Amino acid sequence: MNAKISGGLIQATMFGGALLACSALHAATSNWSPPRTADGKPVISGVWSNASVTNLTRPAGVTKLVVTREEAEALVKANPFQRLIEADNGPSDLNDNLLEDKNADRGYNAFWVDPGNFLASVNGEYRTSWIVEPANGQMPLSDAGRKLIQAGRAERDLNLYAGPEALPLPERCLIAFSGASGPGMLNPMYNNNYQIVQTPDAVLINVEMVHDARIVPVDGSPHLPSGIRQYKGDSRGRWDGETLVIETTNFIDRMGVGMNGTGASDALTITERFRRTSHTSLSYSITLDDPKTWTAPFTLEYPLARDDRYGMFEYACHEGNYALQNILRGTRP
């Protein structure tokens, strides 16, 4: 058992044995029927987790979406966070080269991280990336998109320490790290839980990482006027049979702060689909379309696993935002 602190509260996470979340999900049997709300909709309420070693894009050198169990075990063993956890649980080795990639996340030891411990299993297949289309498992960035992202990052870096407003939104505890806030809810290295609460008129998605709460009307109300732009866009939902479909538009330009840190423009449209597939699993797919950034739409698919063990934990970020003062102090004469 490995204890971790989640926003100031200690939670225990079992490693090994029964794998939580995305590690062993399969499609529902054909005769399974989901529980229903009073108005006849499938129940998707509950606490769900997307903790997994699988991430948005495919690792370097991996060409296949689906791998065997043996190949999956090799990829897990090579995963940086798994190496970190193993190293932390054993005697110190100053020659383990864990810091060679200069990733600032290495500042976290195993006590803090909880990224999941195996690849996601979708319909019994071990997946190497959430992206299923295009087939190479990478975002289809256009040349124009690369230039926009580079310009956005250059502008951010130039003004990064000009004041608190110039720091990235996650550092200011306004939205989640690693694109976890949604729409397009990606798995960060800890706090991978989502709480869904549904009513006849709206669905609330509460994100454990920085505890963002997204309220999605499902009552047929129209999108906001195009001139009103928001970091997480304007979401509107509808039921298509057994599937909840959420379309989000009206994004601001999010270069450098958006999808897994790659950014997206104000032309972005995201379509999410939630479908209950068993008592313990929820199928989640996302299609992203941004003609200013990508050459074509691309699609992600992954399972959310029901996690009733602890419920949601408070994410306190940095208490009172004292860290912002220290960050700015450390960069000024």
C-alpha atoms as a PDB file:
ATOM      1  CA  MET A   1       0.000   0.000   0.000  1.00  0.00           C
ATOM      2  CA  ASN A   2       1.309   3.432  -0.905  1.00  0.00           C
ATOM      3  CA  ALA A   3      -0.040   6.490   0.955  1.00  0.00           C
ATOM      4  CA  LYS A   4      -0.326   9.759  -0.912  1.00  0.00           C
ATOM      5  CA  ILE A   5      -1.428  13.257  -0.024  1.00  0.00           C
ATOM      6  CA  SER A   6      -4.206  14.656  -2.185  1.00  0.00           C
ATOM      7  CA  GLY A   7      -4.602  18.393  -1.589  1.00  0.00           C
ATOM      8  CA  GLY A   8      -3.686  18.069   2.076  1.00  0.00           C
ATOM      9  CA  LEU A   9      -5.640  14.865   2.775  1.00  0.00           C
ATOM     10  CA  ILE A  10      -4.016  11.461   2.923  1.00  0.00           C
ATOM     11  CA  GLN A  11      -5.452   8.704   0.813  1.00  0.00           C
ATOM     12  CA  ALA A  12      -4.206   5.157   0.408  1.00  0.00           C
ATOM     13  CA  THR A  13      -3.786   3.570  -2.986  1.00  0.00           C
ATOM     14  CA  MET A  14      -3.351  -0.141  -3.537  1.00  0.00           C
ATOM     15  CA  PHE A  15      -0.640  -1.056  -6.034  1.00  0.00           C
ATOM     16  CA  GLY A  16      -0.685  -4.531  -7.533  1.00  0.00           C
ATOM     17  CA  GLY A  17      -3.451  -7.080  -6.991  1.00  0.00           C
ATOM     18  CA  ALA A  18      -6.725  -5.852  -8.407  1.00  0.00           C
ATOM     19  CA  LEU A  19      -5.942  -2.982 -10.783  1.00  0.00           C
ATOM     20  CA  LEU A  20      -8.019   0.157 -10.389  1.00  0.00           C
ATOM     21  CA  ALA A  21      -9.606   2.170 -13.116  1.00  0.00           C
ATOM     22  CA  CYS A  22      -8.495   1.745 -16.687  1.00  0.00           C
ATOM     23  CA  SER A  23      -6.289  -1.282 -16.192  1.00  0.00           C
ATOM     24  CA  ALA A  24      -8.839  -4.067 -16.719  1.00  0.00           C
ATOM     25  CA  LEU A  25     -11.996  -2.706 -18.295  1.00  0.00           C
ATOM     26  CA  HIS A  26     -13.928  -4.655 -20.882  1.00  0.00           C
ATOM     27  CA  ALA A  27     -17.009  -4.035 -22.954  1.00  0.00           C
ATOM     28  CA  ALA A  28     -20.345  -4.804 -21.340  1.00  0.00           C
ATOM     29  CA  THR A  29     -22.130  -8.005 -22.184  1.00  0.00           C
ATOM     30  CA  SER A  30     -24.945  -7.653 -24.695  1.00  0.00           C
ATOM     31  CA  ASN A  31     -27.644  -8.414 -22.129  1.00  0.00           C
ATOM     32  CA  TRP A  32     -26.506  -5.837 -19.558  1.00  0.00           C
ATOM     33  CA  SER A  33     -28.781  -2.829 -19.092  1.00  0.00           C
ATOM     34  CA  PRO A  34     -27.756   0.310 -17.182  1.00  0.00           C
ATOM     35  CA  PRO A  35     -29.733   1.615 -14.213  1.00  0.00           C
ATOM     36  CA  ARG A  36     -32.127   4.446 -15.094  1.00  0.00           C
ATOM     37  CA  THR A  37     -32.944   7.857 -13.703  1.00  0.00           C
ATOM     38  CA  ALA A  38     -36.547   8.816 -12.941  1.00  0.00           C
ATOM     39  CA  ASP A  39     -36.841  10.317 -16.425  1.00  0.00           C
ATOM     40  CA  GLY A  40     -35.495   7.157 -18.089  1.00  0.00           C
ATOM     41  CA  LYS A  41     -31.901   8.190 -18.865  1.00  0.00           C
ATOM     42  CA  PRO A  42     -28.964   5.847 -18.190  1.00  0.00           C
ATOM     43  CA  VAL A  43     -27.348   6.621 -14.840  1.00  0.00           C
ATOM     44  CA  ILE A  44     -23.836   7.997 -15.321  1.00  0.00           C
ATOM     45  CA  SER A  45     -23.650   9.646 -11.888  1.00  0.00           C
ATOM     46  CA  GLY A  46     -20.865   8.527  -9.586  1.00  0.00           C
ATOM     47  CA  VAL A  47     -17.139   8.899  -9.017  1.00  0.00           C
ATOM     48  CA  TRP A  48     -15.029   7.716 -11.939  1.00  0.00           C
ATOM     49  CA  SER A  49     -11.282   7.437 -12.506  1.00  0.00           C
ATOM     50  CA  ASN A  50      -9.104   7.606 -15.618  1.00  0.00           C
ATOM     51  CA  ALA A  51      -5.844   6.717 -13.858  1.00  0.00           C
ATOM     52  CA  SER A  52      -3.669   4.837 -16.330  1.00  0.00           C
ATOM     53  CA  VAL A  53      -0.166   4.533 -17.716  1.00  0.00           C
ATOM     54  CA  THR A  54      -1.738   5.138 -21.142  1.00  0.00           C
ATOM     55  CA  ASN A  55      -1.661   8.801 -22.174  1.00  0.00           C
ATOM     56  CA  LEU A  56      -2.919  11.088 -24.919  1.00  0.00           C
ATOM     57  CA  THR A  57      -0.285  10.276 -27.548  1.00  0.00           C
ATOM     58  CA  ARG A  58       1.675   7.136 -28.284  1.00  0.00           C
ATOM     59  CA  PRO A  59       5.174   6.821 -26.761  1.00  0.00           C
ATOM     60  CA  ALA A  60       8.171   7.406 -29.030  1.00  0.00           C
ATOM     61  CA  GLY A  61       8.985   4.336 -31.081  1.00  0.00           C
ATOM     62  CA  VAL A  62       5.590   2.676 -30.481  1.00  0.00           C
ATOM     63  CA  THR A  63       3.600   2.286 -33.685  1.00  0.00           C
ATOM     64  CA  LYS A  64       0.733   0.006 -32.634  1.00  0.00           C
ATOM     65  CA  LEU A  65      -2.457   1.091 -30.873  1.00  0.00           C
ATOM     66  CA  VAL A  66      -3.067  -2.408 -29.479  1.00  0.00           C
ATOM     67  CA  VAL A  67      -0.322  -4.506 -27.851  1.00  0.00           C
ATOM     68  CA  THR A  68      -0.081  -7.889 -26.176  1.00  0.00           C
ATOM     69  CA  ARG A  69       0.041  -8.335 -22.415  1.00  0.00           C
ATOM     70  CA  GLU A  70       3.795  -8.920 -22.588  1.00  0.00           C
ATOM     71  CA  GLU A  71       4.324  -5.759 -24.674  1.00  0.00           C
ATOM     72  CA  ALA A  72       2.128  -3.802 -22.280  1.00  0.00           C
ATOM     73  CA  GLU A  73       4.218  -4.959 -19.313  1.00  0.00           C
ATOM     74  CA  ALA A  74       7.390  -3.782 -21.067  1.00  0.00           C
ATOM     75  CA  LEU A  75       5.894  -0.352 -21.758  1.00  0.00           C
ATOM     76  CA  VAL A  76       4.778  -0.024 -18.142  1.00  0.00           C
ATOM     77  CA  LYS A  77       8.229  -0.948 -16.906  1.00  0.00           C
ATOM     78  CA  ALA A  78       9.763   1.779 -19.120  1.00  0.00           C
ATOM     79  CA  ASN A  79       7.258   4.431 -18.027  1.00  0.00           C
ATOM     80  CA  PRO A  80       9.097   7.263 -16.203  1.00  0.00           C
ATOM     81  CA  PHE A  81       6.643   7.414 -13.307  1.00  0.00           C
ATOM     82  CA  GLN A  82       6.744   3.657 -12.804  1.00  0.00           C
ATOM     83  CA  ARG A  83      10.533   3.831 -12.772  1.00  0.00           C
ATOM     84  CA  LEU A  84      10.290   6.643 -10.243  1.00  0.00           C
ATOM     85  CA  ILE A  85       7.967   4.615  -8.009  1.00  0.00           C
ATOM     86  CA  GLU A  86      10.212   1.549  -8.204  1.00  0.00           C
ATOM     87  CA  ALA A  87      13.328   3.613  -7.478  1.00  0.00           C
ATOM     88  CA  ASP A  88      11.649   5.334  -4.562  1.00  0.00           C
ATOM     89  CA  ASN A  89      10.584   2.041  -3.022  1.00  0.00           C
ATOM     90  CA  GLY A  90      14.112   0.670  -3.115  1.00  0.00           C
ATOM     91  CA  PRO A  91      17.585   1.778  -2.000  1.00  0.00           C
ATOM     92  CA  SER A  92      18.938   5.004  -3.498  1.00  0.00           C
ATOM     93  CA  ASP A  93      20.865   4.637  -6.748  1.00  0.00           C
ATOM     94  CA  LEU A  94      22.642   7.805  -7.859  1.00  0.00           C
ATOM     95  CA  ASN A  95      23.300   6.233 -11.269  1.00  0.00           C
ATOM     96  CA  ASP A  96      19.660   5.495 -12.194  1.00  0.00           C
ATOM     97  CA  ASN A  97      19.543   8.477 -14.640  1.00  0.00           C
ATOM     98  CA  LEU A  98      15.989   9.344 -13.604  1.00  0.00           C
ATOM     99  CA  LEU A  99      16.730  13.070 -13.880  1.00  0.00           C
ATOM    100  CA  GLU A 100      18.297  12.979 -17.333  1.00  0.00           C
ATOM    101  CA  ASP A 101      15.150  14.202 -19.110  1.00  0.00           C
ATOM    102  CA  LYS A 102      15.159  17.385 -16.927  1.00  0.00           C
ATOM    103  CA  ASN A 103      11.415  16.988 -16.374  1.00  0.00           C
ATOM    104  CA  ALA A 104      10.363  19.228 -13.476  1.00  0.00           C
ATOM    105  CA  ASP A 105       7.787  16.582 -12.471  1.00  0.00           C
ATOM    106  CA  ARG A 106      10.703  14.518 -11.170  1.00  0.00           C
ATOM    107  CA  GLY A 107      10.566  16.854  -8.179  1.00  0.00           C
ATOM    108  CA  TYR A 108       7.720  14.628  -6.970  1.00  0.00           C
ATOM    109  CA  ASN A 109       8.708  11.419  -5.270  1.00  0.00           C
ATOM    110  CA  ALA A 110       6.531   8.308  -5.260  1.00  0.00           C
ATOM    111  CA  PHE A 111       4.691   9.482  -2.157  1.00  0.00           C
ATOM    112  CA  TRP A 112       2.946  12.152  -4.257  1.00  0.00           C
ATOM    113  CA  VAL A 113       2.163  10.440  -7.544  1.00  0.00           C
ATOM    114  CA  ASP A 114      -0.673   8.084  -8.449  1.00  0.00           C
ATOM    115  CA  PRO A 115      -0.736   7.773 -12.243  1.00  0.00           C
ATOM    116  CA  GLY A 116      -2.190   4.257 -12.404  1.00  0.00           C
ATOM    117  CA  ASN A 117      -0.093   1.148 -12.807  1.00  0.00           C
ATOM    118  CA  PHE A 118      -0.984  -0.414 -16.159  1.00  0.00           C
ATOM    119  CA  LEU A 119      -2.090   0.387 -19.694  1.00  0.00           C
ATOM    120  CA  ALA A 120      -5.780   0.949 -20.308  1.00  0.00           C
ATOM    121  CA  SER A 121      -7.803  -1.998 -21.515  1.00  0.00           C
ATOM    122  CA  VAL A 122     -10.578  -1.102 -23.967  1.00  0.00           C
ATOM    123  CA  ASN A 123     -12.785  -3.977 -25.117  1.00  0.00           C
ATOM    124  CA  GLY A 124     -10.108  -6.344 -23.858  1.00  0.00           C
ATOM    125  CA  GLU A 125      -7.340  -4.607 -25.854  1.00  0.00           C
ATOM    126  CA  TYR A 126      -4.334  -2.973 -24.211  1.00  0.00           C
ATOM    127  CA  ARG A 127      -4.077   0.524 -25.688  1.00  0.00           C
ATOM    128  CA  THR A 128      -0.852   2.509 -26.112  1.00  0.00           C
ATOM    129  CA  SER A 129      -2.545   5.910 -26.592  1.00  0.00           C
ATOM    130  CA  TRP A 130      -5.908   7.552 -26.058  1.00  0.00           C
ATOM    131  CA  ILE A 131      -5.783   8.792 -29.643  1.00  0.00           C
ATOM    132  CA  VAL A 132      -7.362   6.215 -31.949  1.00  0.00           C
ATOM    133  CA  GLU A 133      -7.621   8.434 -35.027  1.00  0.00           C
ATOM    134  CA  PRO A 134      -5.272   9.245 -36.764  1.00  0.00           C
ATOM    135  CA  ALA A 135      -3.772   5.781 -36.779  1.00  0.00           C
ATOM    136  CA  ASN A 136      -0.286   6.933 -35.733  1.00  0.00           C
ATOM    137  CA  GLY A 137      -1.583   7.995 -32.306  1.00  0.00           C
ATOM    138  CA  GLN A 138      -0.324  11.576 -32.620  1.00  0.00           C
ATOM    139  CA  MET A 139      -2.118  14.905 -32.858  1.00  0.00           C
ATOM    140  CA  PRO A 140      -2.277  15.992 -36.523  1.00  0.00           C
ATOM    141  CA  LEU A 141      -0.620  19.391 -36.063  1.00  0.00           C
ATOM    142  CA  SER A 142      -0.478  21.578 -39.160  1.00  0.00           C
ATOM    143  CA  ASP A 143       2.509  23.793 -39.985  1.00  0.00           C
ATOM    144  CA  ALA A 144       0.363  26.801 -39.127  1.00  0.00           C
ATOM    145  CA  GLY A 145      -0.603  25.146 -35.842  1.00  0.00           C
ATOM    146  CA  ARG A 146       3.037  24.538 -34.923  1.00  0.00           C
ATOM    147  CA  LYS A 147       3.838  28.183 -35.589  1.00  0.00           C
ATOM    148  CA  LEU A 148       0.898  29.334 -33.470  1.00  0.00           C
ATOM    149  CA  ILE A 149       1.967  27.087 -30.594  1.00  0.00           C
ATOM    150  CA  GLN A 150       5.593  28.194 -30.836  1.00  0.00           C
ATOM    151  CA  ALA A 151       4.527  31.844 -30.867  1.00  0.00           C
ATOM    152  CA  GLY A 152       2.211  31.290 -27.900  1.00  0.00           C
ATOM    153  CA  ARG A 153       4.959  29.620 -25.896  1.00  0.00           C
ATOM    154  CA  ALA A 154       7.504  32.305 -26.819  1.00  0.00           C
ATOM    155  CA  GLU A 155       5.136  35.039 -25.668  1.00  0.00           C
ATOM    156  CA  ARG A 156       4.404  33.145 -22.457  1.00  0.00           C
ATOM    157  CA  ASP A 157       8.097  32.611 -21.698  1.00  0.00           C
ATOM    158  CA  LEU A 158       8.932  36.255 -22.433  1.00  0.00           C
ATOM    159  CA  ASN A 159       6.415  37.531 -19.893  1.00  0.00           C
ATOM    160  CA  LEU A 160       6.308  34.533 -17.551  1.00  0.00           C
ATOM    161  CA  TYR A 161       7.430  36.367 -14.418  1.00  0.00           C
ATOM    162  CA  ALA A 162       6.057  39.821 -15.177  1.00  0.00           C
ATOM    163  CA  GLY A 163       3.396  39.303 -12.536  1.00  0.00           C
ATOM    164  CA  PRO A 164       0.960  36.712 -11.201  1.00  0.00           C
ATOM    165  CA  GLU A 165      -1.383  37.149 -14.170  1.00  0.00           C
ATOM    166  CA  ALA A 166       1.374  36.074 -16.579  1.00  0.00           C
ATOM    167  CA  LEU A 167       1.948  32.700 -14.916  1.00  0.00           C
ATOM    168  CA  PRO A 168       0.213  29.650 -16.441  1.00  0.00           C
ATOM    169  CA  LEU A 169      -3.368  29.095 -15.299  1.00  0.00           C
ATOM    170  CA  PRO A 170      -2.626  25.805 -13.494  1.00  0.00           C
ATOM    171  CA  GLU A 171       0.176  27.494 -11.536  1.00  0.00           C
ATOM    172  CA  ARG A 172      -2.417  30.038 -10.414  1.00  0.00           C
ATOM    173  CA  CYS A 173      -4.745  27.198  -9.379  1.00  0.00           C
ATOM    174  CA  LEU A 174      -7.423  28.287 -11.859  1.00  0.00           C
ATOM    175  CA  ILE A 175      -7.649  25.209 -14.095  1.00  0.00           C
ATOM    176  CA  ALA A 176      -6.237  21.692 -13.821  1.00  0.00           C
ATOM    177  CA  PHE A 177      -2.815  20.595 -14.979  1.00  0.00           C
ATOM    178  CA  SER A 178      -2.264  18.428 -18.071  1.00  0.00           C
ATOM    179  CA  GLY A 179      -5.640  19.154 -19.653  1.00  0.00           C
ATOM    180  CA  ALA A 180      -7.503  17.319 -16.877  1.00  0.00           C
ATOM    181  CA  SER A 181     -10.219  19.966 -16.464  1.00  0.00           C
ATOM    182  CA  GLY A 182     -11.965  19.192 -19.680  1.00  0.00           C
ATOM    183  CA  PRO A 183     -13.551  19.220 -22.023  1.00  0.00           C
ATOM    184  CA  GLY A 184     -11.121  16.603 -23.150  1.00  0.00           C
ATOM    185  CA  MET A 185     -10.415  15.199 -19.671  1.00  0.00           C
ATOM    186  CA  LEU A 186      -6.882  13.811 -19.669  1.00  0.00           C
ATOM    187  CA  ASN A 187      -5.202  11.815 -16.907  1.00  0.00           C
ATOM    188  CA  PRO A 188      -2.602  13.711 -14.843  1.00  0.00           C
ATOM    189  CA  MET A 189      -0.066  12.103 -12.532  1.00  0.00           C
ATOM    190  CA  TYR A 190      -2.437  12.157  -9.536  1.00  0.00           C
ATOM    191  CA  ASN A 191      -5.993  13.200  -8.582  1.00  0.00           C
ATOM    192  CA  ASN A 192      -7.542  11.319 -11.510  1.00  0.00           C
ATOM    193  CA  ASN A 193     -11.109  11.242 -10.187  1.00  0.00           C
ATOM    194  CA  TYR A 194     -14.233  12.813 -11.693  1.00  0.00           C
ATOM    195  CA  GLN A 195     -17.607  13.075 -10.011  1.00  0.00           C
ATOM    196  CA  ILE A 196     -20.636  13.171 -12.293  1.00  0.00           C
ATOM    197  CA  VAL A 197     -23.994  14.367 -10.979  1.00  0.00           C
ATOM    198  CA  GLN A 198     -26.965  14.335 -13.354  1.00  0.00           C
ATOM    199  CA  THR A 199     -30.369  15.974 -13.173  1.00  0.00           C
ATOM    200  CA  PRO A 200     -33.093  16.233 -15.830  1.00  0.00           C
ATOM    201  CA  ASP A 201     -31.829  19.706 -16.812  1.00  0.00           C
ATOM    202  CA  ALA A 202     -28.043  19.540 -16.380  1.00  0.00           C
ATOM    203  CA  VAL A 203     -25.019  17.337 -15.807  1.00  0.00           C
ATOM    204  CA  LEU A 204     -22.255  18.452 -13.442  1.00  0.00           C
ATOM    205  CA  ILE A 205     -18.712  17.122 -13.873  1.00  0.00           C
ATOM    206  CA  ASN A 206     -16.561  17.849 -10.829  1.00  0.00           C
ATOM    207  CA  VAL A 207     -12.826  17.417 -11.462  1.00  0.00           C
ATOM    208  CA  GLU A 208     -10.658  16.344  -8.520  1.00  0.00           C
ATOM    209  CA  MET A 209      -7.519  17.976  -9.964  1.00  0.00           C
ATOM    210  CA  VAL A 210      -7.885  21.646  -8.894  1.00  0.00           C
ATOM    211  CA  HIS A 211     -11.582  20.785  -8.364  1.00  0.00           C
ATOM    212  CA  ASP A 212     -12.990  22.474 -11.452  1.00  0.00           C
ATOM    213  CA  ALA A 213     -16.750  22.016 -11.805  1.00  0.00           C
ATOM    214  CA  ARG A 214     -18.325  22.037 -15.255  1.00  0.00           C
ATOM    215  CA  ILE A 215     -22.107  22.422 -15.449  1.00  0.00           C
ATOM    216  CA  VAL A 216     -23.535  21.241 -18.780  1.00  0.00           C
ATOM    217  CA  PRO A 217     -27.164  22.101 -19.597  1.00  0.00           C
ATOM    218  CA  VAL A 218     -29.070  19.231 -21.242  1.00  0.00           C
ATOM    219  CA  ASP A 219     -32.377  21.095 -21.517  1.00  0.00           C
ATOM    220  CA  GLY A 220     -32.006  22.191 -25.136  1.00  0.00           C
ATOM    221  CA  SER A 221     -30.780  25.696 -24.341  1.00  0.00           C
ATOM    222  CA  PRO A 222     -28.601  27.233 -27.082  1.00  0.00           C
ATOM    223  CA  HIS A 223     -24.902  28.011 -26.898  1.00  0.00           C
ATOM    224  CA  LEU A 224     -23.772  31.412 -25.658  1.00  0.00           C
ATOM    225  CA  PRO A 225     -23.316  34.129 -28.289  1.00  0.00           C
ATOM    226  CA  SER A 226     -20.085  33.677 -30.236  1.00  0.00           C
ATOM    227  CA  GLY A 227     -18.587  36.820 -28.715  1.00  0.00           C
ATOM    228  CA  ILE A 228     -18.557  35.302 -25.220  1.00  0.00           C
ATOM    229  CA  ARG A 229     -15.398  33.221 -24.855  1.00  0.00           C
ATOM    230  CA  GLN A 230     -14.231  31.065 -21.939  1.00  0.00           C
ATOM    231  CA  TYR A 231     -11.146  28.999 -21.050  1.00  0.00           C
ATOM    232  CA  LYS A 232     -13.186  25.800 -20.913  1.00  0.00           C
ATOM    233  CA  GLY A 233     -15.623  26.894 -23.586  1.00  0.00           C
ATOM    234  CA  ASP A 234     -19.407  26.733 -23.521  1.00  0.00           C
ATOM    235  CA  SER A 235     -20.776  23.189 -23.180  1.00  0.00           C
ATOM    236  CA  ARG A 236     -24.231  21.981 -24.187  1.00  0.00           C
ATOM    237  CA  GLY A 237     -25.396  18.390 -23.854  1.00  0.00           C
ATOM    238  CA  ARG A 238     -28.093  16.149 -25.310  1.00  0.00           C
ATOM    239  CA  TRP A 239     -29.027  12.493 -25.060  1.00  0.00           C
ATOM    240  CA  ASP A 240     -28.649  10.414 -28.213  1.00  0.00           C
ATOM    241  CA  GLY A 241     -30.290   7.170 -27.141  1.00  0.00           C
ATOM    242  CA  GLU A 242     -28.020   5.654 -24.480  1.00  0.00           C
ATOM    243  CA  THR A 243     -25.208   8.165 -25.072  1.00  0.00           C
ATOM    244  CA  LEU A 244     -24.744  11.605 -23.533  1.00  0.00           C
ATOM    245  CA  VAL A 245     -23.271  13.879 -26.205  1.00  0.00           C
ATOM    246  CA  ILE A 246     -21.646  17.159 -25.105  1.00  0.00           C
ATOM    247  CA  GLU A 247     -20.552  19.777 -27.634  1.00  0.00           C
ATOM    248  CA  THR A 248     -18.282  22.588 -26.470  1.00  0.00           C
ATOM    249  CA  THR A 249     -17.542  25.757 -28.436  1.00  0.00           C
ATOM    250  CA  ASN A 250     -16.693  29.405 -27.622  1.00  0.00           C
ATOM    251  CA  PHE A 251     -13.144  28.773 -26.428  1.00  0.00           C
ATOM    252  CA  ILE A 252     -10.646  31.543 -26.005  1.00  0.00           C
ATOM    253  CA  ASP A 253      -7.275  31.129 -27.688  1.00  0.00           C
ATOM    254  CA  ARG A 254      -5.519  28.609 -25.413  1.00  0.00           C
ATOM    255  CA  MET A 255      -2.066  28.425 -26.966  1.00  0.00           C
ATOM    256  CA  GLY A 256       0.342  27.057 -24.384  1.00  0.00           C
ATOM    257  CA  VAL A 257      -2.344  26.261 -21.799  1.00  0.00           C
ATOM    258  CA  GLY A 258      -4.708  23.907 -23.568  1.00  0.00           C
ATOM    259  CA  MET A 259      -4.840  20.283 -24.637  1.00  0.00           C
ATOM    260  CA  ASN A 260      -2.041  18.592 -22.713  1.00  0.00           C
ATOM    261  CA  GLY A 261      -0.041  21.831 -22.850  1.00  0.00           C
ATOM    262  CA  THR A 262      -0.034  21.963 -26.662  1.00  0.00           C
ATOM    263  CA  GLY A 263      -2.684  24.646 -26.953  1.00  0.00           C
ATOM    264  CA  ALA A 264      -5.626  25.161 -29.251  1.00  0.00           C
ATOM    265  CA  SER A 265      -7.160  28.203 -30.905  1.00  0.00           C
ATOM    266  CA  ASP A 266     -10.502  29.947 -30.532  1.00  0.00           C
ATOM    267  CA  ALA A 267     -11.774  27.846 -33.470  1.00  0.00           C
ATOM    268  CA  LEU A 268     -11.757  24.695 -31.336  1.00  0.00           C
ATOM    269  CA  THR A 269     -14.868  22.505 -31.108  1.00  0.00           C
ATOM    270  CA  ILE A 270     -14.918  19.448 -28.847  1.00  0.00           C
ATOM    271  CA  THR A 271     -17.528  16.683 -28.932  1.00  0.00           C
ATOM    272  CA  GLU A 272     -17.605  14.250 -25.989  1.00  0.00           C
ATOM    273  CA  ARG A 273     -19.619  11.039 -25.722  1.00  0.00           C
ATOM    274  CA  PHE A 274     -20.367   9.219 -22.458  1.00  0.00           C
ATOM    275  CA  ARG A 275     -21.961   5.768 -22.505  1.00  0.00           C
ATOM    276  CA  ARG A 276     -22.461   3.421 -19.556  1.00  0.00           C
ATOM    277  CA  THR A 277     -21.078   0.014 -20.544  1.00  0.00           C
ATOM    278  CA  SER A 278     -21.207  -1.919 -17.261  1.00  0.00           C
ATOM    279  CA  HIS A 279     -21.772  -1.490 -13.553  1.00  0.00           C
ATOM    280  CA  THR A 280     -18.150  -0.411 -13.145  1.00  0.00           C
ATOM    281  CA  SER A 281     -17.249   1.272 -16.443  1.00  0.00           C
ATOM    282  CA  LEU A 282     -18.151   4.271 -18.556  1.00  0.00           C
ATOM    283  CA  SER A 283     -17.014   4.626 -22.156  1.00  0.00           C
ATOM    284  CA  TYR A 284     -15.667   8.094 -22.976  1.00  0.00           C
ATOM    285  CA  SER A 285     -14.732   9.347 -26.444  1.00  0.00           C
ATOM    286  CA  ILE A 286     -13.714  12.810 -27.602  1.00  0.00           C
ATOM    287  CA  THR A 287     -13.389  14.344 -31.051  1.00  0.00           C
ATOM    288  CA  LEU A 288     -11.442  17.596 -31.332  1.00  0.00           C
ATOM    289  CA  ASP A 289     -11.618  19.885 -34.347  1.00  0.00           C
ATOM    290  CA  ASP A 290      -9.525  23.052 -34.720  1.00  0.00           C
ATOM    291  CA  PRO A 291      -8.775  23.967 -38.342  1.00  0.00           C
ATOM    292  CA  LYS A 292      -6.320  26.672 -37.214  1.00  0.00           C
ATOM    293  CA  THR A 293      -4.148  24.142 -35.392  1.00  0.00           C
ATOM    294  CA  TRP A 294      -4.700  20.643 -36.796  1.00  0.00           C
ATOM    295  CA  THR A 295      -4.916  19.265 -40.323  1.00  0.00           C
ATOM    296  CA  ALA A 296      -8.025  17.228 -39.462  1.00  0.00           C
ATOM    297  CA  PRO A 297     -10.203  16.348 -36.471  1.00  0.00           C
ATOM    298  CA  PHE A 298      -8.804  13.651 -34.185  1.00  0.00           C
ATOM    299  CA  THR A 299     -10.478  11.254 -31.783  1.00  0.00           C
ATOM    300  CA  LEU A 300      -9.634   9.897 -28.334  1.00  0.00           C
ATOM    301  CA  GLU A 301     -11.232   6.900 -26.666  1.00  0.00           C
ATOM    302  CA  TYR A 302     -10.805   5.601 -23.161  1.00  0.00           C
ATOM    303  CA  PRO A 303     -12.717   4.016 -20.278  1.00  0.00           C
ATOM    304  CA  LEU A 304     -13.639   5.627 -16.972  1.00  0.00           C
ATOM    305  CA  ALA A 305     -13.771   3.190 -14.054  1.00  0.00           C
ATOM    306  CA  ARG A 306     -16.139   3.536 -11.124  1.00  0.00           C
ATOM    307  CA  ASP A 307     -14.208   4.273  -7.935  1.00  0.00           C
ATOM    308  CA  ASP A 308     -16.381   4.145  -4.820  1.00  0.00           C
ATOM    309  CA  ARG A 309     -13.519   3.587  -2.367  1.00  0.00           C
ATOM    310  CA  TYR A 310     -12.880   7.129  -1.156  1.00  0.00           C
ATOM    311  CA  GLY A 311     -15.037   9.586  -3.071  1.00  0.00           C
ATOM    312  CA  MET A 312     -13.558  12.928  -4.077  1.00  0.00           C
ATOM    313  CA  PHE A 313     -10.628  14.483  -2.240  1.00  0.00           C
ATOM    314  CA  GLU A 314     -10.024  18.169  -1.745  1.00  0.00           C
ATOM    315  CA  TYR A 315      -7.311  19.602  -3.953  1.00  0.00           C
ATOM    316  CA  ALA A 316      -5.856  22.565  -2.069  1.00  0.00           C
ATOM    317  CA  CYS A 317      -3.263  23.512  -4.737  1.00  0.00           C
ATOM    318  CA  HIS A 318      -0.866  25.816  -2.878  1.00  0.00           C
ATOM    319  CA  GLU A 319      -2.515  27.150   0.231  1.00  0.00           C
ATOM    320  CA  GLY A 320      -3.324  30.850   0.000  1.00  0.00           C
ATOM    321  CA  ASN A 321      -1.310  31.043  -3.255  1.00  0.00           C
ATOM    322  CA  TYR A 322       1.838  31.667  -1.201  1.00  0.00           C
ATOM    323  CA  ALA A 323       3.821  29.830  -3.860  1.00  0.00           C
ATOM    324  CA  LEU A 324       3.135  32.613  -6.363  1.00  0.00           C
ATOM    325  CA  GLN A 325       4.911  35.107  -4.123  1.00  0.00           C
ATOM    326  CA  ASN A 326       7.900  32.797  -3.799  1.00  0.00           C
ATOM    327  CA  ILE A 327       8.001  32.105  -7.555  1.00  0.00           C
ATOM    328  CA  LEU A 328       8.040  35.813  -8.353  1.00  0.00           C
ATOM    329  CA  ARG A 329      10.505  36.582  -5.537  1.00  0.00           C
ATOM    330  CA  GLY A 330      12.913  33.964  -6.848  1.00  0.00           C
ATOM    331  CA  THR A 331      13.024  35.529 -10.312  1.00  0.00           C
ATOM    332  CA  ARG A 332      13.510  39.145  -9.302  1.00  0.00           C
ATOM    333  CA  PRO A 333      16.657  40.932  -8.082  1.00  0.00           C
END
